[in-house]
Amino acid sequence: MFWAAVVTSAPQPITAPLAYLAVEEVSALLSFSFAFAAGAMLSLVAAKLVPDAFGRTTWRSAAPGTVIAAALMLALSALLGV
């Protein structure tokens, strides 16, 4: 596993400048692509993880965790002004 990680990570320093230039060229599209990625992640969570988390036997622990996490995210958002 170590060598697989090394081999797959080796090209990253080489391609980083190319990726930087590509991002600089399409910076106007970044907000739309981030919004698309966020929507895709939310739909994945809603379709795959929520049904498993809120199953017949696990909903008692999933519900308070979800409420606490949402409250923490809102508090951090207000605190950081994001």
N, C-alpha and C. Protein backbone atom coordinates (compact mmCIF):
# COMPACT_ATOMS: atom_id res chain seq x y z
N MET A 1 0.82 -1.19 0.00
CA MET A 1 0.00 0.00 0.00
C MET A 1 0.87 1.25 0.00
N PHE A 2 1.98 1.19 0.71
CA PHE A 2 2.87 2.35 0.75
C PHE A 2 3.35 2.71 -0.65
N TRP A 3 3.84 1.70 -1.38
CA TRP A 3 4.37 1.99 -2.71
C TRP A 3 3.28 2.40 -3.68
N ALA A 4 2.09 1.88 -3.52
CA ALA A 4 0.98 2.32 -4.36
C ALA A 4 0.68 3.79 -4.13
N ALA A 5 0.74 4.21 -2.86
CA ALA A 5 0.52 5.62 -2.55
C ALA A 5 1.64 6.49 -3.13
N VAL A 6 2.87 6.01 -3.04
CA VAL A 6 4.00 6.77 -3.58
C VAL A 6 3.87 6.91 -5.10
N VAL A 7 3.56 5.82 -5.77
CA VAL A 7 3.47 5.84 -7.23
C VAL A 7 2.34 6.74 -7.71
N THR A 8 1.20 6.69 -7.03
CA THR A 8 0.08 7.52 -7.46
C THR A 8 0.25 8.98 -7.08
N SER A 9 1.08 9.28 -6.10
CA SER A 9 1.31 10.66 -5.69
C SER A 9 2.49 11.31 -6.40
N ALA A 10 3.34 10.54 -7.02
CA ALA A 10 4.53 11.07 -7.66
C ALA A 10 4.25 12.12 -8.74
N PRO A 11 3.23 11.96 -9.58
CA PRO A 11 2.99 12.97 -10.62
C PRO A 11 2.42 14.30 -10.10
N GLN A 12 1.98 14.35 -8.88
CA GLN A 12 1.32 15.57 -8.39
C GLN A 12 2.21 16.81 -8.44
N PRO A 13 3.45 16.77 -7.97
CA PRO A 13 4.28 17.99 -8.08
C PRO A 13 4.55 18.40 -9.53
N ILE A 14 4.56 17.44 -10.41
CA ILE A 14 4.83 17.75 -11.82
C ILE A 14 3.62 18.43 -12.46
N THR A 15 2.43 17.96 -12.13
CA THR A 15 1.22 18.49 -12.77
C THR A 15 0.60 19.65 -12.00
N ALA A 16 1.12 20.00 -10.83
CA ALA A 16 0.54 21.10 -10.05
C ALA A 16 0.61 22.44 -10.80
N PRO A 17 1.72 22.80 -11.45
CA PRO A 17 1.71 24.08 -12.20
C PRO A 17 0.70 24.10 -13.34
N LEU A 18 0.53 22.97 -14.01
CA LEU A 18 -0.47 22.90 -15.07
C LEU A 18 -1.87 23.08 -14.50
N ALA A 19 -2.15 22.46 -13.38
CA ALA A 19 -3.46 22.62 -12.74
C ALA A 19 -3.68 24.06 -12.30
N TYR A 20 -2.63 24.70 -11.78
CA TYR A 20 -2.73 26.11 -11.37
C TYR A 20 -3.09 26.99 -12.56
N LEU A 21 -2.41 26.78 -13.68
CA LEU A 21 -2.70 27.58 -14.87
C LEU A 21 -4.12 27.34 -15.37
N ALA A 22 -4.57 26.11 -15.31
CA ALA A 22 -5.94 25.80 -15.75
C ALA A 22 -6.96 26.48 -14.86
N VAL A 23 -6.72 26.50 -13.56
CA VAL A 23 -7.65 27.15 -12.63
C VAL A 23 -7.65 28.65 -12.86
N GLU A 24 -6.50 29.23 -13.13
CA GLU A 24 -6.43 30.67 -13.41
C GLU A 24 -7.22 31.04 -14.66
N GLU A 25 -7.24 30.16 -15.64
CA GLU A 25 -7.96 30.43 -16.88
C GLU A 25 -9.47 30.37 -16.71
N VAL A 26 -9.95 29.51 -15.84
CA VAL A 26 -11.40 29.33 -15.68
C VAL A 26 -11.87 29.76 -14.30
N SER A 27 -11.26 30.76 -13.71
CA SER A 27 -11.61 31.17 -12.35
C SER A 27 -13.06 31.66 -12.25
N ALA A 28 -13.61 32.17 -13.33
CA ALA A 28 -15.00 32.63 -13.30
C ALA A 28 -15.98 31.46 -13.14
N LEU A 29 -15.57 30.27 -13.55
CA LEU A 29 -16.45 29.11 -13.45
C LEU A 29 -16.31 28.36 -12.13
N LEU A 30 -15.36 28.75 -11.30
CA LEU A 30 -15.11 27.99 -10.07
C LEU A 30 -16.31 28.00 -9.13
N SER A 31 -16.97 29.14 -8.97
CA SER A 31 -18.11 29.18 -8.05
C SER A 31 -19.22 28.24 -8.51
N PHE A 32 -19.46 28.17 -9.81
CA PHE A 32 -20.49 27.27 -10.33
C PHE A 32 -20.08 25.81 -10.16
N SER A 33 -18.80 25.52 -10.38
CA SER A 33 -18.36 24.13 -10.24
C SER A 33 -18.36 23.70 -8.78
N PHE A 34 -18.03 24.62 -7.86
CA PHE A 34 -18.11 24.28 -6.43
C PHE A 34 -19.56 24.05 -6.02
N ALA A 35 -20.48 24.85 -6.54
CA ALA A 35 -21.89 24.67 -6.22
C ALA A 35 -22.39 23.34 -6.78
N PHE A 36 -21.96 22.98 -7.98
CA PHE A 36 -22.34 21.70 -8.56
C PHE A 36 -21.80 20.54 -7.72
N ALA A 37 -20.55 20.64 -7.30
CA ALA A 37 -19.95 19.58 -6.48
C ALA A 37 -20.66 19.47 -5.13
N ALA A 38 -21.03 20.59 -4.54
CA ALA A 38 -21.75 20.56 -3.26
C ALA A 38 -23.12 19.92 -3.43
N GLY A 39 -23.81 20.25 -4.50
CA GLY A 39 -25.11 19.64 -4.76
C GLY A 39 -25.01 18.15 -5.01
N ALA A 40 -23.97 17.74 -5.72
CA ALA A 40 -23.76 16.31 -5.96
C ALA A 40 -23.49 15.58 -4.65
N MET A 41 -22.70 16.18 -3.77
CA MET A 41 -22.40 15.55 -2.49
C MET A 41 -23.66 15.48 -1.61
N LEU A 42 -24.45 16.53 -1.61
CA LEU A 42 -25.68 16.50 -0.82
C LEU A 42 -26.66 15.44 -1.34
N SER A 43 -26.77 15.32 -2.65
CA SER A 43 -27.68 14.30 -3.18
C SER A 43 -27.17 12.89 -2.87
N LEU A 44 -25.87 12.70 -2.89
CA LEU A 44 -25.31 11.41 -2.53
C LEU A 44 -25.59 11.08 -1.06
N VAL A 45 -25.39 12.05 -0.19
CA VAL A 45 -25.66 11.85 1.23
C VAL A 45 -27.14 11.55 1.45
N ALA A 46 -28.00 12.31 0.79
CA ALA A 46 -29.43 12.11 0.97
C ALA A 46 -29.88 10.74 0.46
N ALA A 47 -29.29 10.29 -0.63
CA ALA A 47 -29.72 9.03 -1.23
C ALA A 47 -29.11 7.80 -0.57
N LYS A 48 -27.87 7.90 -0.11
CA LYS A 48 -27.17 6.71 0.37
C LYS A 48 -27.00 6.66 1.89
N LEU A 49 -26.59 7.77 2.49
CA LEU A 49 -26.23 7.73 3.91
C LEU A 49 -27.42 7.95 4.85
N VAL A 50 -28.31 8.84 4.49
CA VAL A 50 -29.43 9.14 5.39
C VAL A 50 -30.31 7.92 5.63
N PRO A 51 -30.69 7.16 4.61
CA PRO A 51 -31.51 5.98 4.89
C PRO A 51 -30.82 4.97 5.81
N ASP A 52 -29.52 4.81 5.67
CA ASP A 52 -28.81 3.89 6.56
C ASP A 52 -28.71 4.44 7.97
N ALA A 53 -28.46 5.73 8.10
CA ALA A 53 -28.30 6.34 9.43
C ALA A 53 -29.62 6.36 10.20
N PHE A 54 -30.70 6.61 9.48
CA PHE A 54 -31.99 6.71 10.15
C PHE A 54 -32.82 5.44 9.96
N GLY A 55 -32.16 4.31 10.08
CA GLY A 55 -32.86 3.02 10.00
C GLY A 55 -33.72 2.81 11.23
N ARG A 56 -34.37 1.68 11.29
CA ARG A 56 -35.30 1.40 12.38
C ARG A 56 -34.62 1.36 13.74
N THR A 57 -33.37 0.93 13.78
CA THR A 57 -32.72 0.77 15.08
C THR A 57 -31.71 1.87 15.38
N THR A 58 -31.30 2.66 14.40
CA THR A 58 -30.25 3.64 14.64
C THR A 58 -30.72 5.08 14.67
N TRP A 59 -32.00 5.35 14.48
CA TRP A 59 -32.46 6.73 14.39
C TRP A 59 -32.32 7.47 15.71
N ARG A 60 -32.33 6.76 16.83
CA ARG A 60 -32.23 7.44 18.12
C ARG A 60 -30.86 8.09 18.33
N SER A 61 -29.82 7.53 17.74
CA SER A 61 -28.51 8.16 17.85
C SER A 61 -28.22 9.08 16.67
N ALA A 62 -28.83 8.84 15.52
CA ALA A 62 -28.57 9.67 14.34
C ALA A 62 -29.26 11.02 14.43
N ALA A 63 -30.44 11.07 14.99
CA ALA A 63 -31.19 12.33 15.05
C ALA A 63 -30.49 13.38 15.91
N PRO A 64 -30.09 13.07 17.15
CA PRO A 64 -29.38 14.11 17.93
C PRO A 64 -28.04 14.50 17.30
N GLY A 65 -27.35 13.56 16.73
CA GLY A 65 -26.08 13.88 16.07
C GLY A 65 -26.27 14.82 14.90
N THR A 66 -27.34 14.61 14.14
CA THR A 66 -27.63 15.49 13.01
C THR A 66 -27.97 16.89 13.48
N VAL A 67 -28.77 17.00 14.53
CA VAL A 67 -29.15 18.31 15.06
C VAL A 67 -27.93 19.04 15.62
N ILE A 68 -27.10 18.33 16.36
CA ILE A 68 -25.90 18.95 16.94
C ILE A 68 -24.94 19.40 15.83
N ALA A 69 -24.75 18.58 14.81
CA ALA A 69 -23.86 18.94 13.71
C ALA A 69 -24.39 20.15 12.95
N ALA A 70 -25.70 20.20 12.71
CA ALA A 70 -26.28 21.34 12.00
C ALA A 70 -26.13 22.61 12.83
N ALA A 71 -26.37 22.52 14.13
CA ALA A 71 -26.22 23.69 15.00
C ALA A 71 -24.77 24.16 15.03
N LEU A 72 -23.84 23.23 15.09
CA LEU A 72 -22.42 23.59 15.09
C LEU A 72 -22.02 24.27 13.78
N MET A 73 -22.51 23.76 12.67
CA MET A 73 -22.20 24.37 11.37
C MET A 73 -22.78 25.77 11.29
N LEU A 74 -24.00 25.97 11.75
CA LEU A 74 -24.60 27.31 11.73
C LEU A 74 -23.85 28.27 12.65
N ALA A 75 -23.45 27.79 13.82
CA ALA A 75 -22.70 28.64 14.76
C ALA A 75 -21.35 29.05 14.16
N LEU A 76 -20.65 28.09 13.57
CA LEU A 76 -19.37 28.40 12.96
C LEU A 76 -19.53 29.36 11.76
N SER A 77 -20.58 29.16 11.01
CA SER A 77 -20.85 30.04 9.88
C SER A 77 -21.10 31.48 10.36
N ALA A 78 -21.87 31.62 11.42
CA ALA A 78 -22.14 32.96 11.97
C ALA A 78 -20.88 33.56 12.60
N LEU A 79 -20.12 32.74 13.28
CA LEU A 79 -18.91 33.21 13.94
C LEU A 79 -17.85 33.65 12.94
N LEU A 80 -17.70 32.90 11.86
CA LEU A 80 -16.69 33.22 10.86
C LEU A 80 -17.19 34.18 9.80
N GLY A 81 -18.49 34.47 9.79
CA GLY A 81 -19.04 35.39 8.83
C GLY A 81 -19.06 34.86 7.40
N VAL A 82 -19.29 33.58 7.28
CA VAL A 82 -19.30 32.96 5.95
C VAL A 82 -20.71 32.79 5.47
